Each structure stands twice: as structure tokens, then as C-alpha cells.
Amino acid sequence: MNKSTKELINFIKSSPTAYHCIDSVRNILGEFKTLDASERFEIEAGGKYVITRGGSSLIAFSVPSDISEISFSIAAAHVDSPALKLKPECDVDSPASVKRVAVEKYGGANLSSWFDRPLTVAGRICLEKDAKIISQNVYVDRDLMIIPSVPPHLGTIEKPSLAVDFLPVYSAKSEKGILDAVAETAGVKVEDVISHDLFAVSRAKGDFIGANGEFFSAPRIDDLQCVFALTAALADVKNTAGISVLALFDNEETGSSSRQGAFSSFLPEVLERIVIALGKDRSEYQAALARSFMVSADNAHAKHPAHPELFDALNAPEMNGGIVIKTNASQRYTTDAMSCAIVKKICERAGVPYQRYANRADIAGGSTLGNIALHQLPVCCADIGLAQLAMHSICETAGAYDTEYLIKFAKELFSVKFSAVSDCGYEIR
């Protein structure tokens, strides 16, 4: 059994929402000292630090002992996944004498995959305590809801409506509302819940599949496989040459345009504050960016066994094939010739395989946080990922060996130091 992927499956189980994922990451990075954004950064050479924003984004970094010339080795990923989010007022009576839950779509979920699956509720609630407003993560750890499909005997619903067909059934009409169950789990009174960010989430448990356990299936593989691998790598790296940075963002699935998204000031602000805390000025910060490198890690589409015609024949990755380097002529992915060459060299140094992904020329495909983050952070960047099937389904499938490949790649990335040879050249030390 693949040890890294077994740990990933447990990580996914403990991370039903972005808020829980950040807690899971912080548990792995236990020795990293927590910084407070509202206070001055106190940073030392050789130190390890972590800072969060909004409870759902995180930046962790390790400072080398030699800080005479600063560069950043950055790996970014996103902690959110497509889901159904509960509306502020969410209890809905229906003609069928049941109580349903009002939801709206978060991100590009494959809604058809949500029918007839045990669901529960997870997220955060806001409470008032000692004249302060605080947030508390909550997960109702039992099968709580389901979205029933319409049987074929009654005809086919050609285009199911999000507002009609995808409201989970929660209880009989006479029972209390869904927030009562949330409050009970949180150990508070329902009237104490001021507001909430709650999601319907799958109760499916990840596990290995395949004749020899070569694949695994779980919810939220996109993008928690990358999140886990990058986190595990940073936690395990002993000595870093440059400043190694892990950046985990929320709201990628909805465009990254939030206070805690990749389009925000979070990453550039933290990087600049690091440089200043180490006794250098803004000019040195800008110079550090010029000699830094970043990968945006978000999973890629594996060639589908039933529909290979949907893929470019020469650039279609497969599960367990290693690091996927993603390119797009319209810059949906940031990879160019230089950043691609750097990724290949890091793969070679780490001893891991790599493969290429490009959309079929007449299919637009998706995008990710890399090109969005570069609006705020002008560094050389490549988009990478791991190949998976059923992306944005409530249950996805990926290669069991690829997790370890990405861990090895990220450990090598976090161990090296980048220097700019010229405007278009880099040295990896």
C-alpha cells in the first residue's frame, strides 16, 4: 500500500472544507511558529513560520541560515473544491412533507454526481464570545442529508434545476432546522449562531482501488492531493537554500477574487514583510522576486479511457505518470519555455517522471490560480499538477503513486536556490 497516498486519504477525510483543510495543514506544520498579520513580523534566519488569512488561506515559509542574497522558491495550491453552499436562511418546507436545505452552487461542480449520495454539513459559524466575534469550525459527523434523483419510471428531467432538483432532503417537516444540528455539534445554542459559511459535503470515504491498489478514489482530490504533497514536502525539508514558501489559497473555484484568494495581496504582502523583517528594503524585495521561481500546483485531466478523442493526442497525461506540466497558448496556464525547462530540471534532480498537458486545440479547457497570482507577483512561474479522472465530481479518481512523485518534486524545489542569470535565464543551486 502506498504510504503517502494513505496519509493523503486521511488528510482528505479531515479536510471537508477549506477551513478544516487549513487546520489539517497546520497540524502537519506543527513546529512552524504562528505569525499575526496585525503585528510586526519577528523573523530570524533558520526559522520556520506560518500565517493565515480569513481562516481559509495559509502561507508557510522556511528561512535559510544564509540570508545574504534572498530568493523565493514558491509552491502554491488551492484548498477549496466545488460544492453546494448553504444559503443564509436555509430551511425549506416542501410539498412532500419533508424539510429540505436551500443551497447554491459553489464553483463548477458536476451536479449530476451529487444525486443519491449521503451528505452532511461542514464549514464555520460565527459567534459572539466575551464581546468578540469569533469563528468556529464545525463538521456534523454523520449521514445527514441526501439529494434524491427522479426515477426513470416518471420520465427524464432534461435539465435539472439547481433551485428545484438539488436541495438536499434533511428531515420531516416537524423536526428542527439544519442549523439546530450544526449548533448541537458545535456545543452552542442555535440562537448564538450569528452567521455561517456552511457547505453540503460528501460522506464518502477515500480508498485504494484497482487490481493492485494503483489508483484511489475520494472526494476533493482536486486540489487536496497537491495541497497535501506540498505541505508534506515543506514539513520534511531540513535545509533550504532559498526562502521556501508554501502558499495555499481559498476561492480558486470561484475565480480567486477574494481577500483570501490568489488575486489578493496576501502572498506579495507576506513576501515583502519577510524581506523587511530580515533587515532589507523594498529594493531588495524587488530584486528577490526577479531571481525567484514559483509553481502553481493544481491537478490536470488524465486521458479518459472512454473518450480519448477529447484530448490532444500528443499531450494527454495518464495517472501514475508523474508531474504534469500544463501549457496553454492563451495563458490560461503560465508555463512558458523557461519555466517548463526549470520544472523538467527539478524533476530530473528529484528522480521523478514528468509528462505534458495541453488542451485539444478546439476545446478551451479550464484555468487555475497561477496566471491570477502573477497579476500581483511578477515571478517566473509554471503550472503543474497530477493527472486525475472525474474532476469536479463529488468523487474523483487519481493515481496512487503520483502523490509521492509530487512530494519528491516539492522537496527538491524547496531545497534549491534560484539566481537570475539574465532577464531570461536562471541558475538552480
Protein backbone atom coordinates (compact mmCIF):
# COMPACT_ATOMS: atom_id res chain seq x y z
CA MET A 1 0.00 0.00 0.00
CA ASN A 2 1.29 3.45 -0.92
CA LYS A 3 2.14 5.20 2.38
CA SER A 4 1.96 8.78 1.05
CA THR A 5 -1.44 8.27 -0.56
CA LYS A 6 -2.76 6.50 2.54
CA GLU A 7 -1.79 9.61 4.52
CA LEU A 8 -3.41 11.76 1.80
CA ILE A 9 -6.70 9.85 2.14
CA ASN A 10 -6.69 10.55 5.89
CA PHE A 11 -5.86 14.19 5.16
CA ILE A 12 -8.83 14.47 2.80
CA LYS A 13 -11.11 12.92 5.42
CA SER A 14 -10.04 15.56 7.95
CA SER A 15 -10.49 18.39 5.42
CA PRO A 16 -14.18 18.54 4.36
CA THR A 17 -13.95 22.32 3.78
CA ALA A 18 -11.24 24.91 3.23
CA TYR A 19 -11.42 25.89 6.91
CA HIS A 20 -10.79 22.34 8.06
CA CYS A 21 -8.05 21.91 5.46
CA ILE A 22 -6.10 24.82 6.94
CA ASP A 23 -6.33 23.18 10.36
CA SER A 24 -5.06 19.91 8.85
CA VAL A 25 -2.13 21.71 7.22
CA ARG A 26 -1.23 23.45 10.47
CA ASN A 27 -1.20 20.10 12.26
CA ILE A 28 1.40 18.84 9.78
CA LEU A 29 3.42 22.05 10.16
CA GLY A 30 3.37 21.79 13.95
CA GLU A 31 6.86 23.20 14.52
CA PHE A 32 6.21 26.31 12.42
CA LYS A 33 5.78 29.45 14.53
CA THR A 34 2.49 31.31 14.01
CA LEU A 35 2.69 34.95 12.87
CA ASP A 36 -0.07 37.52 13.38
CA ALA A 37 -0.81 39.79 10.43
CA SER A 38 -1.84 42.58 12.79
CA GLU A 39 1.58 42.63 14.44
CA ARG A 40 5.12 43.30 13.30
CA PHE A 41 6.88 40.23 11.89
CA GLU A 42 9.73 38.96 14.05
CA ILE A 43 11.71 36.59 11.83
CA GLU A 44 15.13 35.01 12.20
CA ALA A 45 17.43 33.21 9.80
CA GLY A 46 16.83 29.48 10.06
CA GLY A 47 13.28 29.95 11.37
CA LYS A 48 10.00 28.40 10.20
CA TYR A 49 6.78 30.40 10.20
CA VAL A 50 3.10 30.21 9.22
CA ILE A 51 0.38 32.83 8.80
CA THR A 52 -3.28 32.54 7.81
CA ARG A 53 -5.88 34.85 6.29
CA GLY A 54 -9.62 34.52 6.73
CA GLY A 55 -9.22 31.10 8.30
CA SER A 56 -9.11 29.52 4.84
CA SER A 57 -5.78 30.58 3.28
CA LEU A 58 -2.28 29.97 4.56
CA ILE A 59 1.33 30.85 3.83
CA ALA A 60 4.14 28.89 5.46
CA PHE A 61 7.83 29.51 4.89
CA SER A 62 11.25 28.33 5.95
CA VAL A 63 14.15 30.80 6.12
CA PRO A 64 17.70 29.60 5.36
CA SER A 65 20.62 30.32 7.65
CA ASP A 66 22.33 32.37 4.91
CA ILE A 67 20.21 35.40 4.01
CA SER A 68 22.90 37.45 2.26
CA GLU A 69 21.04 37.06 -1.06
CA ILE A 70 17.33 36.34 -0.89
CA SER A 71 15.27 34.38 -3.39
CA PHE A 72 11.96 32.57 -3.01
CA SER A 73 11.08 29.01 -4.01
CA ILE A 74 7.28 29.12 -4.03
CA ALA A 75 4.71 26.35 -4.41
CA ALA A 76 1.02 27.33 -4.49
CA ALA A 77 -2.20 25.32 -4.50
CA HIS A 78 -5.86 25.82 -3.58
CA VAL A 79 -7.78 24.39 -0.64
CA ASP A 80 -11.35 24.77 -1.89
CA SER A 81 -13.37 22.35 -4.02
CA PRO A 82 -16.66 22.62 -5.93
CA ALA A 83 -19.57 22.17 -3.57
CA LEU A 84 -23.09 23.22 -2.62
CA LYS A 85 -23.13 26.09 -0.13
CA LEU A 86 -25.99 26.63 2.30
CA LYS A 87 -27.88 29.90 1.91
CA PRO A 88 -28.15 32.25 4.93
CA GLU A 89 -31.78 31.18 5.54
CA CYS A 90 -31.71 27.57 4.53
CA ASP A 91 -34.68 25.58 5.85
CA VAL A 92 -37.20 24.86 3.08
CA ASP A 93 -40.56 23.10 3.55
CA SER A 94 -41.66 21.03 0.57
CA PRO A 95 -44.96 19.52 -0.62
CA ALA A 96 -43.66 16.05 0.21
CA SER A 97 -43.81 16.61 3.99
CA VAL A 98 -40.05 16.82 4.28
CA LYS A 99 -37.72 19.64 5.15
CA ARG A 100 -35.05 20.46 2.59
CA VAL A 101 -31.98 22.68 2.68
CA ALA A 102 -31.60 25.73 0.42
CA VAL A 103 -28.22 25.73 -1.33
CA GLU A 104 -26.42 27.39 -4.21
CA LYS A 105 -23.57 26.12 -6.34
CA TYR A 106 -20.02 26.91 -5.25
CA GLY A 107 -17.65 26.57 -8.20
CA GLY A 108 -18.12 24.32 -11.21
CA ALA A 109 -19.47 21.21 -9.54
CA ASN A 110 -20.57 18.28 -11.71
CA LEU A 111 -24.06 18.36 -10.20
CA SER A 112 -25.28 15.06 -11.64
CA SER A 113 -22.74 13.26 -9.45
CA TRP A 114 -24.41 14.64 -6.29
CA PHE A 115 -27.62 12.62 -6.60
CA ASP A 116 -28.32 9.82 -4.12
CA ARG A 117 -25.16 10.26 -2.04
CA PRO A 118 -25.04 10.54 1.76
CA LEU A 119 -24.18 14.13 2.64
CA THR A 120 -23.54 16.16 5.74
CA VAL A 121 -22.80 19.78 6.67
CA ALA A 122 -19.42 21.34 7.41
CA GLY A 123 -17.84 24.76 7.48
CA ARG A 124 -17.70 27.53 10.05
CA ILE A 125 -20.07 29.51 12.21
CA CYS A 126 -19.57 32.95 13.74
CA LEU A 127 -20.42 33.53 17.40
CA GLU A 128 -20.14 36.31 19.95
CA LYS A 129 -17.97 35.47 22.93
CA ASP A 130 -16.72 37.92 25.57
CA ALA A 131 -17.79 40.87 23.40
CA LYS A 132 -15.76 39.48 20.49
CA ILE A 133 -16.96 37.90 17.25
CA ILE A 134 -15.16 34.61 16.69
CA SER A 135 -15.43 31.80 14.17
CA GLN A 136 -15.62 28.11 14.96
CA ASN A 137 -15.19 25.24 12.55
CA VAL A 138 -17.89 22.59 12.60
CA TYR A 139 -18.44 19.18 10.99
CA VAL A 140 -21.55 17.12 11.62
CA ASP A 141 -20.02 13.66 11.63
CA ARG A 142 -22.97 11.57 10.46
CA ASP A 143 -25.04 10.92 7.35
CA LEU A 144 -27.40 13.88 7.50
CA MET A 145 -28.85 14.64 4.06
CA ILE A 146 -29.40 13.29 0.56
CA ILE A 147 -30.41 14.66 -2.84
CA PRO A 148 -32.86 12.12 -4.32
CA SER A 149 -32.93 11.69 -8.07
CA VAL A 150 -36.14 11.28 -10.09
CA PRO A 151 -36.60 7.60 -11.10
CA PRO A 152 -36.74 6.85 -14.85
CA HIS A 153 -40.29 5.47 -14.49
CA LEU A 154 -41.51 9.06 -14.07
CA GLY A 155 -39.74 10.42 -17.10
CA THR A 156 -36.47 12.23 -17.68
CA ILE A 157 -35.70 15.67 -16.31
CA GLU A 158 -33.88 17.07 -19.34
CA LYS A 159 -32.21 19.91 -17.49
CA PRO A 160 -32.36 19.57 -13.69
CA SER A 161 -32.66 22.91 -11.93
CA LEU A 162 -30.27 23.90 -9.19
CA ALA A 163 -33.10 25.73 -7.43
CA VAL A 164 -35.51 22.78 -7.66
CA ASP A 165 -33.71 19.45 -8.00
CA PHE A 166 -30.58 19.83 -5.88
CA LEU A 167 -31.95 20.84 -2.48
CA PRO A 168 -30.91 18.10 -0.03
CA VAL A 169 -33.60 16.35 1.98
CA TYR A 170 -32.86 16.83 5.68
CA SER A 171 -35.80 15.85 7.88
CA ALA A 172 -39.51 15.59 8.37
CA LYS A 173 -41.31 18.94 8.35
CA SER A 174 -42.00 18.71 12.06
CA GLU A 175 -38.32 18.48 13.01
CA LYS A 176 -35.95 21.32 13.85
CA GLY A 177 -33.90 23.07 11.18
CA ILE A 178 -30.46 22.18 9.85
CA LEU A 179 -28.77 24.88 11.93
CA ASP A 180 -30.01 23.16 15.09
CA ALA A 181 -27.92 20.13 14.16
CA VAL A 182 -24.94 22.38 13.44
CA ALA A 183 -25.28 24.24 16.73
CA GLU A 184 -25.65 20.99 18.68
CA THR A 185 -22.44 19.66 17.13
CA ALA A 186 -20.64 22.90 17.91
CA GLY A 187 -21.85 22.82 21.51
CA VAL A 188 -23.70 26.13 21.29
CA LYS A 189 -27.29 27.34 21.14
CA VAL A 190 -28.75 27.91 17.69
CA GLU A 191 -29.64 31.49 18.63
CA ASP A 192 -25.94 32.13 19.33
CA VAL A 193 -25.05 31.48 15.69
CA ILE A 194 -24.75 34.95 14.14
CA SER A 195 -23.81 33.82 10.64
CA HIS A 196 -22.25 30.91 8.83
CA ASP A 197 -20.23 29.63 5.86
CA LEU A 198 -21.59 26.08 5.62
CA PHE A 199 -21.41 23.54 2.83
CA ALA A 200 -23.05 20.27 1.93
CA VAL A 201 -20.19 17.78 1.71
CA SER A 202 -19.82 14.16 0.71
CA ARG A 203 -19.64 11.45 3.33
CA ALA A 204 -17.71 9.12 1.01
CA LYS A 205 -14.53 7.66 2.47
CA GLY A 206 -11.48 7.57 0.22
CA ASP A 207 -9.85 4.23 -0.52
CA PHE A 208 -7.50 2.45 -2.88
CA ILE A 209 -8.93 0.81 -5.99
CA GLY A 210 -7.51 -1.22 -8.86
CA ALA A 211 -6.09 -4.72 -9.16
CA ASN A 212 -3.02 -3.73 -7.14
CA GLY A 213 -4.25 -0.58 -5.44
CA GLU A 214 -2.66 1.55 -8.14
CA PHE A 215 -5.48 4.12 -8.06
CA PHE A 216 -7.51 5.75 -5.33
CA SER A 217 -10.92 7.36 -5.17
CA ALA A 218 -12.04 10.13 -2.81
CA PRO A 219 -13.85 13.46 -2.68
CA ARG A 220 -11.87 16.68 -3.23
CA ILE A 221 -8.77 15.13 -4.79
CA ASP A 222 -8.71 18.37 -6.79
CA ASP A 223 -6.79 20.04 -5.24
CA LEU A 224 -6.11 18.39 -1.88
CA GLN A 225 -3.70 15.92 -3.45
CA CYS A 226 -1.43 18.83 -4.35
CA VAL A 227 -2.07 20.61 -1.03
CA PHE A 228 -1.06 17.55 0.96
CA ALA A 229 2.02 16.76 -1.12
CA LEU A 230 3.38 20.32 -0.95
CA THR A 231 2.71 20.53 2.80
CA ALA A 232 4.35 17.17 3.50
CA ALA A 233 7.39 18.25 1.48
CA LEU A 234 7.86 21.55 3.31
CA ALA A 235 7.46 19.85 6.69
CA ASP A 236 10.16 17.32 5.77
CA VAL A 237 12.78 19.61 4.22
CA LYS A 238 15.71 20.01 6.62
CA ASN A 239 17.87 22.64 4.95
CA THR A 240 16.70 25.25 2.49
CA ALA A 241 19.00 27.36 0.31
CA GLY A 242 16.42 30.00 -0.56
CA ILE A 243 13.29 31.00 1.33
CA SER A 244 10.89 28.10 0.76
CA VAL A 245 7.25 29.22 0.58
CA LEU A 246 4.02 27.24 0.64
CA ALA A 247 1.00 29.34 -0.41
CA LEU A 248 -2.47 27.82 -0.06
CA PHE A 249 -5.40 29.87 -1.33
CA ASP A 250 -9.16 29.69 -0.97
CA ASN A 251 -11.77 30.52 -3.63
CA GLU A 252 -9.87 29.30 -6.67
CA GLU A 253 -13.01 27.52 -7.81
CA THR A 254 -14.88 30.85 -7.94
CA GLY A 255 -12.18 32.94 -9.61
CA SER A 256 -9.75 33.75 -6.76
CA SER A 257 -11.09 37.31 -6.39
CA SER A 258 -11.45 37.39 -2.63
CA ARG A 259 -9.47 38.64 0.35
CA GLN A 260 -8.03 35.15 0.74
CA GLY A 261 -7.77 34.29 -2.96
CA ALA A 262 -4.73 34.16 -5.24
CA PHE A 263 -5.71 37.53 -6.77
CA SER A 264 -5.45 39.21 -3.36
CA SER A 265 -2.46 40.96 -1.81
CA PHE A 266 -1.86 38.08 0.63
CA LEU A 267 1.22 36.49 -0.95
CA PRO A 268 3.06 39.65 -2.11
CA GLU A 269 2.41 41.35 1.22
CA VAL A 270 3.79 38.42 3.21
CA LEU A 271 6.86 38.09 0.98
CA GLU A 272 7.65 41.78 1.30
CA ARG A 273 7.18 41.69 5.07
CA ILE A 274 9.59 38.74 5.24
CA VAL A 275 12.28 40.70 3.42
CA ILE A 276 11.78 43.78 5.59
CA ALA A 277 11.79 41.72 8.79
CA LEU A 278 15.17 40.32 7.73
CA GLY A 279 16.58 43.84 7.68
CA LYS A 280 16.38 44.57 3.97
CA ASP A 281 14.47 47.19 1.98
CA ARG A 282 11.87 47.24 -0.78
CA SER A 283 14.53 47.38 -3.47
CA GLU A 284 15.96 44.09 -2.20
CA TYR A 285 12.44 42.65 -2.18
CA GLN A 286 12.00 43.52 -5.86
CA ALA A 287 15.42 42.05 -6.63
CA ALA A 288 14.46 38.88 -4.76
CA LEU A 289 11.35 38.49 -6.92
CA ALA A 290 13.48 38.77 -10.07
CA ARG A 291 15.50 35.74 -9.01
CA SER A 292 12.61 33.66 -7.62
CA PHE A 293 10.58 30.80 -9.04
CA MET A 294 7.03 29.58 -8.44
CA VAL A 295 4.91 26.59 -9.34
CA SER A 296 1.13 26.64 -9.25
CA ALA A 297 0.08 23.07 -8.44
CA ASP A 298 -3.44 22.10 -9.46
CA ASN A 299 -4.49 18.72 -10.80
CA ALA A 300 -4.80 18.02 -14.51
CA HIS A 301 -7.21 15.94 -16.60
CA ALA A 302 -5.98 12.39 -17.17
CA LYS A 303 -6.76 10.88 -20.57
CA HIS A 304 -10.27 9.48 -20.24
CA PRO A 305 -10.45 5.77 -21.16
CA ALA A 306 -13.89 6.14 -22.75
CA HIS A 307 -13.22 9.41 -24.58
CA PRO A 308 -9.59 9.77 -25.67
CA GLU A 309 -10.84 11.89 -28.57
CA LEU A 310 -11.38 14.79 -26.15
CA PHE A 311 -7.63 15.09 -25.61
CA ASP A 312 -4.67 16.25 -27.64
CA ALA A 313 -3.07 13.07 -28.93
CA LEU A 314 0.49 14.17 -28.04
CA ASN A 315 -0.18 16.00 -24.78
CA ALA A 316 -2.58 13.79 -22.80
CA PRO A 317 -1.22 12.73 -19.38
CA GLU A 318 -2.04 9.50 -17.60
CA MET A 319 -2.46 8.61 -13.93
CA ASN A 320 0.75 7.49 -12.20
CA GLY A 321 2.75 9.17 -14.96
CA GLY A 322 4.31 11.77 -12.67
CA ILE A 323 4.32 15.56 -12.64
CA VAL A 324 2.08 17.10 -15.29
CA ILE A 325 3.44 20.30 -16.88
CA LYS A 326 0.47 22.31 -18.16
CA THR A 327 0.68 24.76 -21.05
CA ASN A 328 -1.82 26.92 -22.93
CA ALA A 329 -1.18 29.41 -25.73
CA SER A 330 -3.78 31.81 -24.32
CA GLN A 331 -2.00 31.85 -20.93
CA ARG A 332 -4.72 30.02 -19.01
CA TYR A 333 -1.61 28.30 -17.67
CA THR A 334 1.53 30.33 -17.01
CA THR A 335 4.10 27.80 -18.21
CA ASP A 336 6.47 29.08 -20.89
CA ALA A 337 9.67 27.59 -22.32
CA MET A 338 11.84 28.86 -19.44
CA SER A 339 9.59 27.77 -16.58
CA CYS A 340 8.98 24.43 -18.31
CA ALA A 341 12.73 23.85 -18.57
CA ILE A 342 13.15 24.63 -14.86
CA VAL A 343 10.39 22.17 -13.87
CA LYS A 344 11.97 19.46 -16.03
CA LYS A 345 15.35 20.02 -14.38
CA ILE A 346 13.84 19.86 -10.89
CA CYS A 347 12.05 16.63 -11.85
CA GLU A 348 15.34 15.16 -13.07
CA ARG A 349 17.13 16.18 -9.88
CA ALA A 350 14.31 14.69 -7.79
CA GLY A 351 14.23 11.50 -9.86
CA VAL A 352 10.55 11.73 -10.76
CA PRO A 353 8.85 11.36 -14.15
CA TYR A 354 7.03 14.18 -15.89
CA GLN A 355 4.51 14.48 -18.70
CA ARG A 356 2.79 17.25 -20.65
CA TYR A 357 -0.78 18.54 -20.84
CA ALA A 358 -2.26 20.86 -23.44
CA ASN A 359 -5.93 21.15 -24.35
CA ARG A 360 -7.17 19.87 -27.66
CA ALA A 361 -6.94 22.97 -29.86
CA ASP A 362 -10.72 23.35 -30.26
CA ILE A 363 -11.52 22.86 -26.54
CA ALA A 364 -10.99 25.85 -24.27
CA GLY A 365 -10.42 23.84 -21.08
CA GLY A 366 -10.05 25.29 -17.61
CA SER A 367 -7.65 27.57 -15.80
CA THR A 368 -6.13 27.86 -12.34
CA LEU A 369 -4.56 30.29 -9.89
CA GLY A 370 -1.13 30.67 -11.50
CA ASN A 371 -1.89 33.39 -14.02
CA ILE A 372 -4.15 35.13 -11.48
CA ALA A 373 -1.43 35.26 -8.80
CA LEU A 374 1.04 36.75 -11.29
CA HIS A 375 -1.08 39.92 -11.53
CA GLN A 376 0.26 40.67 -8.05
CA LEU A 377 3.58 38.82 -8.13
CA PRO A 378 5.82 39.11 -11.23
CA VAL A 379 7.89 35.93 -10.89
CA CYS A 380 8.80 33.16 -13.30
CA CYS A 381 6.07 30.55 -12.89
CA ALA A 382 4.92 27.19 -14.21
CA ASP A 383 1.58 25.43 -13.84
CA ILE A 384 1.87 21.79 -12.84
CA GLY A 385 -0.38 19.13 -11.35
CA LEU A 386 -1.14 15.43 -11.13
CA ALA A 387 -3.38 13.55 -13.57
CA GLN A 388 -6.84 12.55 -12.37
CA LEU A 389 -10.22 11.41 -13.68
CA ALA A 390 -13.70 12.82 -12.91
CA MET A 391 -12.51 16.30 -11.96
CA HIS A 392 -15.23 18.32 -10.16
CA SER A 393 -17.29 15.20 -9.49
CA ILE A 394 -18.38 14.57 -5.92
CA CYS A 395 -15.98 11.58 -6.01
CA GLU A 396 -12.78 11.67 -8.09
CA THR A 397 -10.07 9.18 -9.08
CA ALA A 398 -6.29 9.59 -9.28
CA GLY A 399 -3.04 7.63 -9.32
CA ALA A 400 -1.77 6.25 -6.00
CA TYR A 401 1.90 6.65 -6.95
CA ASP A 402 1.68 10.27 -8.07
CA THR A 403 1.38 11.68 -4.53
CA GLU A 404 4.91 10.58 -3.69
CA TYR A 405 6.19 11.94 -7.02
CA LEU A 406 4.92 15.41 -6.13
CA ILE A 407 6.33 15.21 -2.60
CA LYS A 408 9.77 14.40 -4.02
CA PHE A 409 9.48 17.18 -6.60
CA ALA A 410 8.44 19.75 -3.97
CA LYS A 411 11.20 18.71 -1.58
CA GLU A 412 13.72 19.36 -4.34
CA LEU A 413 12.06 22.70 -5.19
CA PHE A 414 12.17 23.77 -1.54
CA SER A 415 15.81 22.68 -1.20
CA VAL A 416 17.35 24.66 -4.07
CA LYS A 417 18.10 28.34 -4.57
CA PHE A 418 17.39 30.26 -7.75
CA SER A 419 19.56 33.01 -9.21
CA ALA A 420 18.80 35.14 -12.25
CA VAL A 421 21.44 34.82 -14.96
CA SER A 422 19.77 37.50 -17.05
CA ASP A 423 16.24 38.67 -17.77
CA CYS A 424 15.53 35.24 -19.30
CA GLY A 425 17.96 32.94 -17.56
CA TYR A 426 18.18 31.10 -14.22
CA GLU A 427 20.71 29.14 -12.26
CA ILE A 428 19.49 26.39 -9.92
CA ARG A 429 21.82 25.88 -6.96
